[in-house]
Amino acid sequence: MGWSARFFDPINLPSGRKLLTLRDAATYITELPKAEHDAPEWQAAMETLLLVAERDGPEMMARIGMLRALNRHGTKATPAPRRKRAKAYRVVQ
């Protein structure tokens, strides 16, 4: 397979461009500014790309790594509010 392996679904970038192959994704990561490139999420995405391209790993793992890195500034999920209030007990003396 190698670097020319295609993603099952293309990865849409915020700029409107699409990443079709592992090589496209690797080129995109290497063209990022240094501060962005050194973020742990991008480093993990590059490691998964290397694993998939050179060791024939599952393509979905590289896709997940790229999507997590692209969405790293997204909003965090807030916990769902409790449906029922906890009982308030009163101390009787």
Protein backbone atom coordinates (compact mmCIF):
# COMPACT_ATOMS: atom_id res chain seq x y z
CA MET A 1 0.00 0.00 0.00
CA GLY A 2 2.46 2.67 1.13
CA TRP A 3 1.95 6.42 1.02
CA SER A 4 -0.36 6.29 -1.99
CA ALA A 5 -3.08 4.49 0.00
CA ARG A 6 -6.35 6.38 -0.14
CA PHE A 7 -8.62 7.21 2.78
CA PHE A 8 -11.99 5.46 2.64
CA ASP A 9 -13.67 8.88 2.97
CA PRO A 10 -11.67 12.01 2.10
CA ILE A 11 -10.82 14.25 5.05
CA ASN A 12 -12.27 17.73 4.63
CA LEU A 13 -10.03 20.56 5.82
CA PRO A 14 -11.35 23.87 7.20
CA SER A 15 -10.01 25.61 4.06
CA GLY A 16 -12.25 23.44 1.87
CA ARG A 17 -9.38 21.29 0.57
CA LYS A 18 -9.62 17.50 0.82
CA LEU A 19 -6.99 14.99 1.87
CA LEU A 20 -7.34 11.93 -0.35
CA THR A 21 -4.18 9.91 0.38
CA LEU A 22 -1.76 9.31 3.22
CA ARG A 23 0.81 11.39 1.31
CA ASP A 24 -1.61 14.34 1.20
CA ALA A 25 -2.08 14.11 4.96
CA ALA A 26 1.67 13.90 5.63
CA THR A 27 2.34 16.89 3.37
CA TYR A 28 -0.36 18.87 5.15
CA ILE A 29 1.19 18.15 8.57
CA THR A 30 4.71 19.05 7.43
CA GLU A 31 3.49 22.37 6.01
CA LEU A 32 1.95 23.47 9.33
CA PRO A 33 3.68 26.25 11.30
CA LYS A 34 6.23 24.92 13.80
CA ALA A 35 4.16 25.85 16.87
CA GLU A 36 1.15 23.98 15.48
CA HIS A 37 3.24 21.09 14.14
CA ASP A 38 4.77 20.41 17.56
CA ALA A 39 1.39 19.94 19.27
CA PRO A 40 0.93 16.44 20.74
CA GLU A 41 -2.17 15.78 18.61
CA TRP A 42 -0.28 16.46 15.37
CA GLN A 43 2.67 14.35 16.51
CA ALA A 44 0.29 11.46 17.23
CA ALA A 45 -1.37 11.91 13.83
CA MET A 46 2.02 11.74 12.09
CA GLU A 47 2.97 8.61 14.05
CA THR A 48 -0.24 6.88 12.98
CA LEU A 49 0.36 7.91 9.36
CA LEU A 50 3.83 6.36 9.52
CA LEU A 51 2.45 3.19 11.09
CA VAL A 52 -0.22 2.81 8.42
CA ALA A 53 2.03 3.67 5.46
CA GLU A 54 5.12 1.69 6.43
CA ARG A 55 3.70 -1.22 8.42
CA ASP A 56 0.36 -1.71 6.63
CA GLY A 57 -1.70 -0.68 9.65
CA PRO A 58 -5.43 -0.02 9.43
CA GLU A 59 -6.26 3.09 7.38
CA MET A 60 -9.02 4.04 9.81
CA MET A 61 -6.45 4.61 12.54
CA ALA A 62 -4.70 7.27 10.43
CA ARG A 63 -8.04 8.87 9.65
CA ILE A 64 -8.98 9.04 13.33
CA GLY A 65 -5.60 10.54 14.21
CA MET A 66 -5.99 13.24 11.57
CA LEU A 67 -9.55 14.09 12.59
CA ARG A 68 -8.60 14.34 16.27
CA ALA A 69 -5.72 16.66 15.42
CA LEU A 70 -7.89 18.82 13.15
CA ASN A 71 -10.57 19.13 15.84
CA ARG A 72 -8.24 19.66 18.79
CA HIS A 73 -9.51 23.20 19.39
CA GLY A 74 -13.15 22.10 19.27
CA THR A 75 -15.47 22.45 22.22
CA LYS A 76 -15.33 19.88 24.94
CA ALA A 77 -18.45 17.87 25.64
CA THR A 78 -20.21 19.04 28.79
CA PRO A 79 -21.74 16.45 31.07
CA ALA A 80 -25.50 16.10 30.81
CA PRO A 81 -27.41 17.81 33.61
CA ARG A 82 -29.01 15.64 36.24
CA ARG A 83 -32.63 14.96 35.50
CA LYS A 84 -33.78 14.71 39.07
CA ARG A 85 -32.63 16.92 41.90
CA ALA A 86 -30.96 15.24 44.80
CA LYS A 87 -33.06 15.15 47.96
CA ALA A 88 -32.29 17.86 50.46
CA TYR A 89 -32.44 16.61 54.04
CA ARG A 90 -33.20 18.86 56.96
CA VAL A 91 -31.74 18.24 60.39
CA VAL A 92 -34.49 18.25 63.08
CA GLN A 93 -33.40 18.88 66.64
